Amino acid sequence: MTTQQDLHCILASGLEALSLNLADNQQQQLVEFVLLIDKWNKAYNLTSVRCPKQMMVKHILDSLAIVPHLTGENIIDVGTGPGLPGMPLAIAFPDKTFTLLDSLGKRVRFMTQCVHTLKLTNVTPVNSRVENHVGDKPYDIVLSRAFASLKDMLHWCEHLVDSDGQFLALKGQFPQSEIDEVSDHFQVVNTENITVPNLDGERHLVWLRKTQQR
């Protein structure tokens, strides 16, 4: 089988395990996204994962595992790197709006090319430090994956949401020590243990929001 066929098989198996139903064109976009990462990785060093089949598991399925938990319509992915988890989620949710923010210009150039190649109309890559970014309106969800500690994420991203907005952090092992450091200005709304098909290691989601008495 070709690399593309292998990627389709891994994706189809993973979607079945996650009980997700994506259209053929969405699956094709996800495969093409992996191939773009692989192509650009040689020059731009976008990820330490070098094998496209591992990228499909460690990046794409890992991102898609939070699909059942993602609410809100206007979402920002901070410290997104090459667009993770924001790009796969934008493909899965064409009706939601995604801002993908990173401080490194080459990553944003890569994401801009992906938006053009994959014909995505709901993704806006932004080259900025998160503390300097101001959205047109408050975001519903601030999303982060391997970005910073919960304490730092909340400090840097506090201005991006209003009292109704939430922060959703993707973590590996359960981050009890990070939760213990969260200030009284924020509260942990929920935590969830998630399983990523074919991936070793733990994955947890942590939801937080601003406390009402501030």
N, C-alpha and C. Protein backbone atom coordinates (compact mmCIF):
# COMPACT_ATOMS: atom_id res chain seq x y z
N MET A 1 0.84 -1.20 0.00
CA MET A 1 0.00 0.00 0.00
C MET A 1 0.87 1.25 0.00
N THR A 2 0.35 2.30 -0.58
CA THR A 2 1.04 3.58 -0.55
C THR A 2 0.91 4.20 0.84
N THR A 3 1.73 5.20 1.10
CA THR A 3 1.65 5.92 2.38
C THR A 3 0.25 6.50 2.57
N GLN A 4 -0.31 7.06 1.51
CA GLN A 4 -1.64 7.66 1.60
C GLN A 4 -2.70 6.60 1.96
N GLN A 5 -2.59 5.43 1.36
CA GLN A 5 -3.54 4.35 1.68
C GLN A 5 -3.37 3.90 3.13
N ASP A 6 -2.13 3.80 3.58
CA ASP A 6 -1.86 3.44 4.99
C ASP A 6 -2.51 4.45 5.93
N LEU A 7 -2.37 5.72 5.61
CA LEU A 7 -2.92 6.78 6.46
C LEU A 7 -4.44 6.71 6.50
N HIS A 8 -5.05 6.44 5.36
CA HIS A 8 -6.50 6.29 5.31
C HIS A 8 -6.96 5.13 6.20
N CYS A 9 -6.22 4.02 6.18
CA CYS A 9 -6.58 2.85 6.98
C CYS A 9 -6.47 3.16 8.48
N ILE A 10 -5.37 3.80 8.87
CA ILE A 10 -5.17 4.15 10.28
C ILE A 10 -6.26 5.11 10.74
N LEU A 11 -6.57 6.08 9.89
CA LEU A 11 -7.61 7.06 10.23
C LEU A 11 -8.98 6.39 10.36
N ALA A 12 -9.34 5.54 9.39
CA ALA A 12 -10.64 4.88 9.41
C ALA A 12 -10.79 4.01 10.66
N SER A 13 -9.74 3.28 10.99
CA SER A 13 -9.76 2.43 12.19
C SER A 13 -9.89 3.28 13.45
N GLY A 14 -9.17 4.40 13.49
CA GLY A 14 -9.22 5.29 14.64
C GLY A 14 -10.58 5.95 14.81
N LEU A 15 -11.17 6.36 13.71
CA LEU A 15 -12.50 6.98 13.77
C LEU A 15 -13.54 5.99 14.29
N GLU A 16 -13.41 4.74 13.84
CA GLU A 16 -14.35 3.71 14.31
C GLU A 16 -14.19 3.51 15.82
N ALA A 17 -12.95 3.47 16.29
CA ALA A 17 -12.69 3.28 17.72
C ALA A 17 -13.21 4.45 18.54
N LEU A 18 -13.16 5.65 17.96
CA LEU A 18 -13.64 6.85 18.65
C LEU A 18 -15.13 7.07 18.45
N SER A 19 -15.77 6.22 17.64
CA SER A 19 -17.20 6.37 17.30
C SER A 19 -17.48 7.72 16.65
N LEU A 20 -16.57 8.13 15.76
CA LEU A 20 -16.75 9.38 15.03
C LEU A 20 -17.07 9.07 13.57
N ASN A 21 -17.96 9.85 13.00
CA ASN A 21 -18.36 9.66 11.61
C ASN A 21 -18.01 10.92 10.82
N LEU A 22 -16.94 10.84 10.04
CA LEU A 22 -16.54 11.96 9.20
C LEU A 22 -16.74 11.60 7.74
N ALA A 23 -17.14 12.58 6.95
CA ALA A 23 -17.37 12.36 5.53
C ALA A 23 -16.05 12.04 4.82
N ASP A 24 -16.17 11.45 3.63
CA ASP A 24 -14.98 11.06 2.86
C ASP A 24 -14.07 12.26 2.60
N ASN A 25 -14.67 13.41 2.28
CA ASN A 25 -13.83 14.58 1.98
C ASN A 25 -13.10 15.08 3.23
N GLN A 26 -13.73 14.94 4.41
CA GLN A 26 -13.05 15.32 5.64
C GLN A 26 -11.89 14.38 5.93
N GLN A 27 -12.10 13.10 5.70
CA GLN A 27 -11.01 12.14 5.91
C GLN A 27 -9.86 12.41 4.93
N GLN A 28 -10.21 12.77 3.71
CA GLN A 28 -9.17 13.09 2.72
C GLN A 28 -8.38 14.33 3.16
N GLN A 29 -9.07 15.33 3.70
CA GLN A 29 -8.39 16.54 4.18
C GLN A 29 -7.42 16.20 5.32
N LEU A 30 -7.82 15.32 6.21
CA LEU A 30 -6.96 14.94 7.34
C LEU A 30 -5.72 14.21 6.84
N VAL A 31 -5.89 13.31 5.87
CA VAL A 31 -4.74 12.61 5.29
C VAL A 31 -3.81 13.60 4.59
N GLU A 32 -4.39 14.52 3.83
CA GLU A 32 -3.58 15.53 3.14
C GLU A 32 -2.85 16.42 4.13
N PHE A 33 -3.47 16.72 5.26
CA PHE A 33 -2.83 17.52 6.29
C PHE A 33 -1.57 16.82 6.82
N VAL A 34 -1.67 15.52 7.06
CA VAL A 34 -0.50 14.76 7.51
C VAL A 34 0.59 14.79 6.44
N LEU A 35 0.21 14.62 5.20
CA LEU A 35 1.20 14.64 4.11
C LEU A 35 1.86 16.01 3.99
N LEU A 36 1.11 17.06 4.25
CA LEU A 36 1.68 18.41 4.23
C LEU A 36 2.67 18.61 5.39
N ILE A 37 2.29 18.12 6.57
CA ILE A 37 3.23 18.20 7.70
C ILE A 37 4.52 17.47 7.35
N ASP A 38 4.39 16.27 6.80
CA ASP A 38 5.56 15.48 6.44
C ASP A 38 6.42 16.20 5.41
N LYS A 39 5.79 16.81 4.43
CA LYS A 39 6.52 17.52 3.37
C LYS A 39 7.27 18.73 3.92
N TRP A 40 6.59 19.52 4.73
CA TRP A 40 7.18 20.76 5.25
C TRP A 40 8.11 20.50 6.44
N ASN A 41 7.97 19.36 7.07
CA ASN A 41 8.72 19.08 8.29
C ASN A 41 10.22 19.07 8.05
N LYS A 42 10.60 18.64 6.87
CA LYS A 42 12.02 18.53 6.55
C LYS A 42 12.71 19.89 6.59
N ALA A 43 12.02 20.93 6.16
CA ALA A 43 12.62 22.26 6.15
C ALA A 43 12.24 23.10 7.37
N TYR A 44 11.02 22.89 7.87
CA TYR A 44 10.49 23.77 8.93
C TYR A 44 10.54 23.15 10.33
N ASN A 45 10.87 21.85 10.41
CA ASN A 45 10.95 21.17 11.71
C ASN A 45 9.71 21.43 12.56
N LEU A 46 8.56 21.08 12.01
CA LEU A 46 7.27 21.36 12.64
C LEU A 46 6.97 20.43 13.81
N THR A 47 7.49 19.21 13.74
CA THR A 47 7.22 18.22 14.78
C THR A 47 8.39 17.25 14.88
N SER A 48 8.61 16.71 16.08
CA SER A 48 9.68 15.72 16.26
C SER A 48 9.26 14.36 15.73
N VAL A 49 7.97 14.19 15.47
CA VAL A 49 7.47 12.93 14.90
C VAL A 49 7.79 12.93 13.40
N ARG A 50 8.54 11.95 12.94
CA ARG A 50 9.01 11.96 11.56
C ARG A 50 8.23 11.02 10.64
N CYS A 51 7.56 10.05 11.20
CA CYS A 51 6.85 9.05 10.40
C CYS A 51 5.39 9.47 10.22
N PRO A 52 4.92 9.58 8.97
CA PRO A 52 3.54 10.01 8.73
C PRO A 52 2.50 9.14 9.44
N LYS A 53 2.75 7.82 9.51
CA LYS A 53 1.79 6.93 10.17
C LYS A 53 1.72 7.23 11.67
N GLN A 54 2.85 7.57 12.27
CA GLN A 54 2.85 7.98 13.68
C GLN A 54 2.18 9.33 13.85
N MET A 55 2.36 10.22 12.88
CA MET A 55 1.69 11.54 12.93
C MET A 55 0.17 11.37 12.97
N MET A 56 -0.32 10.40 12.19
CA MET A 56 -1.77 10.19 12.14
C MET A 56 -2.30 9.81 13.52
N VAL A 57 -1.53 9.01 14.26
CA VAL A 57 -1.97 8.60 15.60
C VAL A 57 -1.69 9.70 16.62
N LYS A 58 -0.43 10.15 16.68
CA LYS A 58 0.00 11.05 17.76
C LYS A 58 -0.52 12.48 17.60
N HIS A 59 -0.85 12.86 16.38
CA HIS A 59 -1.33 14.22 16.15
C HIS A 59 -2.80 14.28 15.76
N ILE A 60 -3.19 13.49 14.78
CA ILE A 60 -4.57 13.61 14.26
C ILE A 60 -5.58 12.92 15.18
N LEU A 61 -5.37 11.64 15.47
CA LEU A 61 -6.32 10.94 16.34
C LEU A 61 -6.29 11.53 17.74
N ASP A 62 -5.12 11.96 18.19
CA ASP A 62 -5.00 12.60 19.50
C ASP A 62 -5.85 13.88 19.55
N SER A 63 -5.87 14.62 18.46
CA SER A 63 -6.69 15.84 18.38
C SER A 63 -8.18 15.49 18.29
N LEU A 64 -8.51 14.50 17.45
CA LEU A 64 -9.92 14.16 17.22
C LEU A 64 -10.58 13.52 18.45
N ALA A 65 -9.77 13.02 19.37
CA ALA A 65 -10.33 12.37 20.56
C ALA A 65 -11.16 13.32 21.41
N ILE A 66 -10.96 14.63 21.23
CA ILE A 66 -11.73 15.58 22.03
C ILE A 66 -12.98 16.08 21.31
N VAL A 67 -13.22 15.57 20.11
CA VAL A 67 -14.40 16.02 19.35
C VAL A 67 -15.70 15.95 20.16
N PRO A 68 -15.98 14.85 20.88
CA PRO A 68 -17.25 14.79 21.62
C PRO A 68 -17.36 15.81 22.75
N HIS A 69 -16.25 16.41 23.12
CA HIS A 69 -16.23 17.30 24.28
C HIS A 69 -16.14 18.78 23.90
N LEU A 70 -16.07 19.07 22.60
CA LEU A 70 -15.82 20.44 22.17
C LEU A 70 -17.13 21.18 21.92
N THR A 71 -17.42 22.14 22.78
CA THR A 71 -18.61 22.98 22.61
C THR A 71 -18.18 24.36 22.13
N GLY A 72 -19.14 25.26 21.96
CA GLY A 72 -18.81 26.61 21.53
C GLY A 72 -18.64 26.70 20.03
N GLU A 73 -18.73 27.91 19.52
CA GLU A 73 -18.66 28.13 18.08
C GLU A 73 -17.39 28.88 17.66
N ASN A 74 -16.86 29.71 18.56
CA ASN A 74 -15.72 30.58 18.25
C ASN A 74 -14.56 30.16 19.15
N ILE A 75 -13.58 29.47 18.56
CA ILE A 75 -12.54 28.78 19.33
C ILE A 75 -11.16 29.28 18.93
N ILE A 76 -10.30 29.49 19.93
CA ILE A 76 -8.90 29.82 19.65
C ILE A 76 -8.01 28.72 20.21
N ASP A 77 -7.08 28.27 19.38
CA ASP A 77 -6.08 27.27 19.77
C ASP A 77 -4.77 28.01 19.96
N VAL A 78 -4.32 28.12 21.22
CA VAL A 78 -3.14 28.92 21.53
C VAL A 78 -1.89 28.04 21.57
N GLY A 79 -0.78 28.56 21.04
CA GLY A 79 0.43 27.76 20.94
C GLY A 79 0.22 26.53 20.10
N THR A 80 -0.43 26.74 18.97
CA THR A 80 -0.93 25.62 18.15
C THR A 80 0.17 24.87 17.40
N GLY A 81 1.38 25.47 17.30
CA GLY A 81 2.44 24.81 16.53
C GLY A 81 2.06 24.74 15.06
N PRO A 82 2.08 23.54 14.47
CA PRO A 82 1.67 23.42 13.07
C PRO A 82 0.16 23.34 12.88
N GLY A 83 -0.60 23.57 13.97
CA GLY A 83 -2.07 23.54 13.86
C GLY A 83 -2.70 22.39 14.61
N LEU A 84 -2.16 22.10 15.77
CA LEU A 84 -2.65 20.97 16.56
C LEU A 84 -3.07 21.42 17.95
N PRO A 85 -4.28 21.11 18.35
CA PRO A 85 -5.28 20.26 17.68
C PRO A 85 -6.22 21.02 16.74
N GLY A 86 -5.99 22.33 16.56
CA GLY A 86 -6.98 23.17 15.89
C GLY A 86 -7.33 22.79 14.46
N MET A 87 -6.32 22.42 13.66
CA MET A 87 -6.59 22.12 12.25
C MET A 87 -7.44 20.86 12.09
N PRO A 88 -7.11 19.74 12.74
CA PRO A 88 -7.99 18.56 12.64
C PRO A 88 -9.39 18.84 13.17
N LEU A 89 -9.49 19.63 14.23
CA LEU A 89 -10.82 19.94 14.79
C LEU A 89 -11.61 20.83 13.83
N ALA A 90 -10.93 21.75 13.15
CA ALA A 90 -11.60 22.61 12.18
C ALA A 90 -12.14 21.79 11.00
N ILE A 91 -11.38 20.76 10.62
CA ILE A 91 -11.85 19.86 9.56
C ILE A 91 -13.07 19.07 10.04
N ALA A 92 -13.04 18.65 11.30
CA ALA A 92 -14.16 17.87 11.86
C ALA A 92 -15.39 18.73 12.10
N PHE A 93 -15.18 20.03 12.35
CA PHE A 93 -16.28 20.95 12.66
C PHE A 93 -16.29 22.12 11.67
N PRO A 94 -16.72 21.89 10.43
CA PRO A 94 -16.68 22.98 9.44
C PRO A 94 -17.58 24.16 9.79
N ASP A 95 -18.53 23.98 10.71
CA ASP A 95 -19.43 25.07 11.08
C ASP A 95 -18.92 25.89 12.26
N LYS A 96 -17.83 25.47 12.88
CA LYS A 96 -17.22 26.26 13.96
C LYS A 96 -16.07 27.09 13.40
N THR A 97 -15.76 28.19 14.07
CA THR A 97 -14.70 29.09 13.63
C THR A 97 -13.47 28.90 14.52
N PHE A 98 -12.32 28.74 13.88
CA PHE A 98 -11.08 28.47 14.62
C PHE A 98 -10.01 29.52 14.31
N THR A 99 -9.45 30.09 15.36
CA THR A 99 -8.26 30.93 15.25
C THR A 99 -7.09 30.10 15.76
N LEU A 100 -6.07 29.93 14.92
CA LEU A 100 -4.90 29.13 15.29
C LEU A 100 -3.73 30.08 15.50
N LEU A 101 -3.30 30.20 16.75
CA LEU A 101 -2.32 31.23 17.11
C LEU A 101 -0.99 30.61 17.48
N ASP A 102 0.07 31.15 16.89
CA ASP A 102 1.42 30.74 17.25
C ASP A 102 2.37 31.92 17.07
N SER A 103 3.43 31.94 17.89
CA SER A 103 4.35 33.07 17.85
C SER A 103 5.46 32.90 16.82
N LEU A 104 5.55 31.70 16.23
CA LEU A 104 6.63 31.43 15.27
C LEU A 104 6.12 31.56 13.84
N GLY A 105 6.73 32.47 13.10
CA GLY A 105 6.26 32.80 11.76
C GLY A 105 6.23 31.63 10.80
N LYS A 106 7.22 30.73 10.87
CA LYS A 106 7.26 29.62 9.91
C LYS A 106 6.09 28.67 10.12
N ARG A 107 5.68 28.50 11.37
CA ARG A 107 4.52 27.64 11.63
C ARG A 107 3.25 28.27 11.06
N VAL A 108 3.12 29.58 11.20
CA VAL A 108 1.94 30.27 10.69
C VAL A 108 1.94 30.24 9.16
N ARG A 109 3.12 30.36 8.55
CA ARG A 109 3.19 30.24 7.08
C ARG A 109 2.75 28.85 6.64
N PHE A 110 3.16 27.84 7.38
CA PHE A 110 2.73 26.47 7.06
C PHE A 110 1.22 26.35 7.17
N MET A 111 0.64 26.85 8.26
CA MET A 111 -0.81 26.75 8.45
C MET A 111 -1.57 27.51 7.36
N THR A 112 -1.04 28.65 6.97
CA THR A 112 -1.67 29.45 5.91
C THR A 112 -1.70 28.66 4.61
N GLN A 113 -0.61 27.94 4.32
CA GLN A 113 -0.57 27.10 3.12
C GLN A 113 -1.59 25.97 3.22
N CYS A 114 -1.72 25.39 4.43
CA CYS A 114 -2.69 24.30 4.63
C CYS A 114 -4.11 24.79 4.40
N VAL A 115 -4.42 25.97 4.92
CA VAL A 115 -5.76 26.54 4.74
C VAL A 115 -6.07 26.68 3.25
N HIS A 116 -5.07 27.14 2.49
CA HIS A 116 -5.24 27.32 1.04
C HIS A 116 -5.37 25.97 0.33
N THR A 117 -4.47 25.04 0.63
CA THR A 117 -4.45 23.74 -0.05
C THR A 117 -5.69 22.91 0.27
N LEU A 118 -6.10 22.94 1.54
CA LEU A 118 -7.23 22.11 1.97
C LEU A 118 -8.57 22.82 1.81
N LYS A 119 -8.51 24.08 1.33
CA LYS A 119 -9.72 24.88 1.07
C LYS A 119 -10.59 25.01 2.33
N LEU A 120 -9.95 25.36 3.44
CA LEU A 120 -10.66 25.54 4.71
C LEU A 120 -11.12 26.99 4.83
N THR A 121 -12.40 27.17 5.08
CA THR A 121 -12.96 28.52 5.17
C THR A 121 -13.21 28.95 6.61
N ASN A 122 -12.93 28.08 7.57
CA ASN A 122 -13.25 28.38 8.97
C ASN A 122 -12.01 28.48 9.85
N VAL A 123 -10.84 28.67 9.22
CA VAL A 123 -9.57 28.73 9.96
C VAL A 123 -8.84 30.04 9.66
N THR A 124 -8.39 30.70 10.73
CA THR A 124 -7.58 31.91 10.60
C THR A 124 -6.28 31.73 11.37
N PRO A 125 -5.15 31.52 10.68
CA PRO A 125 -3.87 31.45 11.37
C PRO A 125 -3.42 32.87 11.78
N VAL A 126 -2.87 32.99 12.98
CA VAL A 126 -2.44 34.29 13.50
C VAL A 126 -1.03 34.16 14.06
N ASN A 127 -0.15 35.07 13.63
CA ASN A 127 1.23 35.10 14.13
C ASN A 127 1.31 36.14 15.25
N SER A 128 1.31 35.67 16.49
CA SER A 128 1.33 36.59 17.63
C SER A 128 1.66 35.82 18.90
N ARG A 129 2.19 36.55 19.87
CA ARG A 129 2.24 36.01 21.22
C ARG A 129 0.84 36.11 21.80
N VAL A 130 0.45 35.12 22.59
CA VAL A 130 -0.93 35.06 23.05
C VAL A 130 -1.31 36.27 23.90
N GLU A 131 -0.37 36.77 24.69
CA GLU A 131 -0.70 37.89 25.57
C GLU A 131 -0.93 39.19 24.79
N ASN A 132 -0.48 39.22 23.52
CA ASN A 132 -0.66 40.40 22.69
C ASN A 132 -1.87 40.31 21.76
N HIS A 133 -2.50 39.15 21.71
CA HIS A 133 -3.60 38.96 20.77
C HIS A 133 -4.93 39.39 21.38
N VAL A 134 -5.70 40.10 20.58
CA VAL A 134 -7.05 40.49 20.99
C VAL A 134 -8.01 40.09 19.87
N GLY A 135 -8.98 39.28 20.18
CA GLY A 135 -9.95 38.85 19.17
C GLY A 135 -10.98 39.93 18.91
N ASP A 136 -11.71 39.77 17.81
CA ASP A 136 -12.78 40.71 17.49
C ASP A 136 -13.88 40.69 18.55
N LYS A 137 -14.03 39.54 19.18
CA LYS A 137 -15.01 39.37 20.27
C LYS A 137 -14.48 38.28 21.18
N PRO A 138 -15.01 38.15 22.39
CA PRO A 138 -14.53 37.10 23.28
C PRO A 138 -14.72 35.71 22.66
N TYR A 139 -13.75 34.85 22.91
CA TYR A 139 -13.84 33.48 22.41
C TYR A 139 -14.71 32.63 23.34
N ASP A 140 -15.35 31.62 22.76
CA ASP A 140 -16.13 30.67 23.57
C ASP A 140 -15.21 29.69 24.29
N ILE A 141 -14.15 29.28 23.58
CA ILE A 141 -13.21 28.29 24.13
C ILE A 141 -11.78 28.71 23.81
N VAL A 142 -10.93 28.67 24.83
CA VAL A 142 -9.48 28.77 24.63
C VAL A 142 -8.93 27.35 24.78
N LEU A 143 -8.33 26.86 23.71
CA LEU A 143 -7.88 25.48 23.63
C LEU A 143 -6.36 25.45 23.68
N SER A 144 -5.78 24.52 24.44
CA SER A 144 -4.33 24.39 24.43
C SER A 144 -3.92 22.93 24.54
N ARG A 145 -2.85 22.61 23.85
CA ARG A 145 -2.29 21.24 23.86
C ARG A 145 -0.78 21.39 23.96
N ALA A 146 -0.22 20.89 25.04
CA ALA A 146 1.24 20.96 25.23
C ALA A 146 1.74 22.39 25.10
N PHE A 147 1.00 23.33 25.68
CA PHE A 147 1.32 24.76 25.52
C PHE A 147 2.04 25.30 26.75
N ALA A 148 1.46 25.15 27.92
CA ALA A 148 2.02 25.73 29.14
C ALA A 148 1.32 25.08 30.33
N SER A 149 1.80 25.40 31.52
CA SER A 149 1.10 24.94 32.72
C SER A 149 -0.27 25.61 32.77
N LEU A 150 -1.19 25.02 33.52
CA LEU A 150 -2.52 25.62 33.65
C LEU A 150 -2.42 27.05 34.20
N LYS A 151 -1.57 27.24 35.19
CA LYS A 151 -1.41 28.57 35.79
C LYS A 151 -0.97 29.60 34.76
N ASP A 152 0.03 29.25 33.96
CA ASP A 152 0.53 30.18 32.93
C ASP A 152 -0.50 30.38 31.82
N MET A 153 -1.15 29.30 31.39
CA MET A 153 -2.15 29.42 30.34
C MET A 153 -3.25 30.40 30.76
N LEU A 154 -3.74 30.24 31.97
CA LEU A 154 -4.83 31.11 32.44
C LEU A 154 -4.35 32.55 32.56
N HIS A 155 -3.13 32.74 33.03
CA HIS A 155 -2.59 34.10 33.17
C HIS A 155 -2.46 34.78 31.81
N TRP A 156 -1.92 34.05 30.83
CA TRP A 156 -1.69 34.64 29.50
C TRP A 156 -2.96 34.78 28.68
N CYS A 157 -3.95 33.92 28.93
CA CYS A 157 -5.14 33.87 28.07
C CYS A 157 -6.39 34.45 28.71
N GLU A 158 -6.26 34.96 29.92
CA GLU A 158 -7.43 35.43 30.67
C GLU A 158 -8.26 36.44 29.89
N HIS A 159 -7.58 37.31 29.11
CA HIS A 159 -8.28 38.38 28.40
C HIS A 159 -9.04 37.90 27.16
N LEU A 160 -8.86 36.64 26.78
CA LEU A 160 -9.46 36.14 25.54
C LEU A 160 -10.92 35.70 25.68
N VAL A 161 -11.37 35.52 26.94
CA VAL A 161 -12.75 35.09 27.15
C VAL A 161 -13.43 36.03 28.14
N ASP A 162 -14.76 36.06 28.08
CA ASP A 162 -15.52 36.79 29.09
C ASP A 162 -15.97 35.78 30.15
N SER A 163 -16.93 36.16 30.97
CA SER A 163 -17.34 35.30 32.08
C SER A 163 -17.99 34.00 31.61
N ASP A 164 -18.43 33.96 30.35
CA ASP A 164 -19.07 32.75 29.83
C ASP A 164 -18.08 31.80 29.17
N GLY A 165 -16.90 32.30 28.83
CA GLY A 165 -15.93 31.48 28.10
C GLY A 165 -15.25 30.44 28.98
N GLN A 166 -14.73 29.40 28.32
CA GLN A 166 -14.04 28.34 29.05
C GLN A 166 -12.64 28.10 28.48
N PHE A 167 -11.80 27.52 29.32
CA PHE A 167 -10.46 27.10 28.92
C PHE A 167 -10.45 25.58 28.91
N LEU A 168 -9.92 25.01 27.84
CA LEU A 168 -9.86 23.56 27.70
C LEU A 168 -8.41 23.17 27.42
N ALA A 169 -7.80 22.48 28.39
CA ALA A 169 -6.40 22.09 28.27
C ALA A 169 -6.28 20.59 28.07
N LEU A 170 -5.48 20.20 27.07
CA LEU A 170 -5.19 18.79 26.82
C LEU A 170 -3.88 18.45 27.51
N LYS A 171 -3.93 17.47 28.38
CA LYS A 171 -2.77 17.09 29.17
C LYS A 171 -2.50 15.61 29.01
N GLY A 172 -1.30 15.19 29.42
CA GLY A 172 -0.96 13.77 29.43
C GLY A 172 -1.47 13.14 30.72
N GLN A 173 -0.57 12.94 31.67
CA GLN A 173 -0.98 12.41 32.96
C GLN A 173 -1.87 13.43 33.68
N PHE A 174 -2.68 12.95 34.61
CA PHE A 174 -3.57 13.85 35.33
C PHE A 174 -2.74 14.93 36.04
N PRO A 175 -3.00 16.21 35.74
CA PRO A 175 -2.12 17.29 36.19
C PRO A 175 -2.49 17.83 37.57
N GLN A 176 -2.47 16.97 38.57
CA GLN A 176 -2.92 17.40 39.90
C GLN A 176 -2.09 18.56 40.44
N SER A 177 -0.78 18.50 40.25
CA SER A 177 0.07 19.58 40.78
C SER A 177 -0.25 20.91 40.09
N GLU A 178 -0.56 20.87 38.79
CA GLU A 178 -0.93 22.09 38.07
C GLU A 178 -2.27 22.61 38.55
N ILE A 179 -3.21 21.70 38.78
CA ILE A 179 -4.53 22.10 39.28
C ILE A 179 -4.40 22.77 40.64
N ASP A 180 -3.51 22.25 41.47
CA ASP A 180 -3.31 22.82 42.80
C ASP A 180 -2.79 24.25 42.74
N GLU A 181 -2.12 24.61 41.62
CA GLU A 181 -1.54 25.94 41.50
C GLU A 181 -2.49 26.96 40.88
N VAL A 182 -3.66 26.52 40.42
CA VAL A 182 -4.61 27.44 39.79
C VAL A 182 -5.13 28.44 40.83
N SER A 183 -5.15 29.71 40.46
CA SER A 183 -5.55 30.75 41.41
C SER A 183 -7.04 30.70 41.69
N ASP A 184 -7.44 31.40 42.74
CA ASP A 184 -8.85 31.43 43.12
C ASP A 184 -9.71 32.18 42.11
N HIS A 185 -9.08 32.86 41.17
CA HIS A 185 -9.83 33.58 40.13
C HIS A 185 -10.44 32.63 39.11
N PHE A 186 -10.02 31.36 39.16
CA PHE A 186 -10.50 30.37 38.20
C PHE A 186 -10.96 29.13 38.94
N GLN A 187 -11.83 28.38 38.31
CA GLN A 187 -12.28 27.12 38.90
C GLN A 187 -12.21 26.00 37.87
N VAL A 188 -11.86 24.82 38.35
CA VAL A 188 -11.87 23.64 37.48
C VAL A 188 -13.31 23.15 37.38
N VAL A 189 -13.85 23.17 36.17
CA VAL A 189 -15.23 22.79 35.94
C VAL A 189 -15.37 21.28 35.83
N ASN A 190 -14.39 20.65 35.15
CA ASN A 190 -14.50 19.22 34.90
C ASN A 190 -13.14 18.68 34.46
N THR A 191 -12.92 17.41 34.66
CA THR A 191 -11.77 16.71 34.10
C THR A 191 -12.26 15.42 33.47
N GLU A 192 -11.58 14.99 32.45
CA GLU A 192 -12.02 13.80 31.72
C GLU A 192 -10.80 13.00 31.27
N ASN A 193 -10.85 11.72 31.50
CA ASN A 193 -9.80 10.82 31.00
C ASN A 193 -10.23 10.34 29.62
N ILE A 194 -9.42 10.56 28.60
CA ILE A 194 -9.79 10.15 27.25
C ILE A 194 -8.81 9.11 26.72
N THR A 195 -9.31 8.28 25.83
CA THR A 195 -8.50 7.22 25.23
C THR A 195 -8.28 7.53 23.75
N VAL A 196 -7.03 7.51 23.33
CA VAL A 196 -6.68 7.74 21.93
C VAL A 196 -6.29 6.40 21.31
N PRO A 197 -6.97 5.99 20.24
CA PRO A 197 -6.66 4.68 19.63
C PRO A 197 -5.19 4.55 19.25
N ASN A 198 -4.59 3.40 19.60
CA ASN A 198 -3.21 3.06 19.21
C ASN A 198 -2.15 3.94 19.86
N LEU A 199 -2.53 4.72 20.86
CA LEU A 199 -1.56 5.61 21.50
C LEU A 199 -1.27 5.14 22.92
N ASP A 200 0.01 4.95 23.21
CA ASP A 200 0.41 4.61 24.57
C ASP A 200 0.43 5.88 25.41
N GLY A 201 0.14 5.73 26.69
CA GLY A 201 0.20 6.89 27.57
C GLY A 201 -1.18 7.45 27.87
N GLU A 202 -1.23 8.23 28.94
CA GLU A 202 -2.50 8.80 29.40
C GLU A 202 -2.82 10.10 28.67
N ARG A 203 -4.12 10.40 28.61
CA ARG A 203 -4.59 11.68 28.08
C ARG A 203 -5.73 12.18 28.96
N HIS A 204 -5.67 13.43 29.34
CA HIS A 204 -6.72 14.02 30.16
C HIS A 204 -7.10 15.39 29.60
N LEU A 205 -8.37 15.71 29.76
CA LEU A 205 -8.86 17.05 29.45
C LEU A 205 -9.20 17.75 30.77
N VAL A 206 -8.89 19.03 30.81
CA VAL A 206 -9.24 19.85 31.98
C VAL A 206 -9.99 21.08 31.50
N TRP A 207 -11.22 21.27 31.99
CA TRP A 207 -12.00 22.46 31.69
C TRP A 207 -11.90 23.44 32.87
N LEU A 208 -11.69 24.71 32.56
CA LEU A 208 -11.66 25.73 33.59
C LEU A 208 -12.45 26.94 33.13
N ARG A 209 -12.89 27.76 34.08
CA ARG A 209 -13.54 29.02 33.74
C ARG A 209 -13.25 30.04 34.84
N LYS A 210 -13.53 31.28 34.54
CA LYS A 210 -13.36 32.33 35.55
C LYS A 210 -14.40 32.16 36.64
N THR A 211 -14.01 32.43 37.88
CA THR A 211 -15.00 32.41 38.96
C THR A 211 -15.89 33.64 38.81
N GLN A 212 -17.10 33.54 39.31
CA GLN A 212 -18.06 34.63 39.15
C GLN A 212 -17.77 35.78 40.13
N GLN A 213 -17.22 35.44 41.29
CA GLN A 213 -16.93 36.50 42.27
C GLN A 213 -15.48 36.96 42.08
N ARG A 214 -15.33 38.08 41.38
CA ARG A 214 -13.98 38.56 41.09
C ARG A 214 -13.85 40.01 41.50
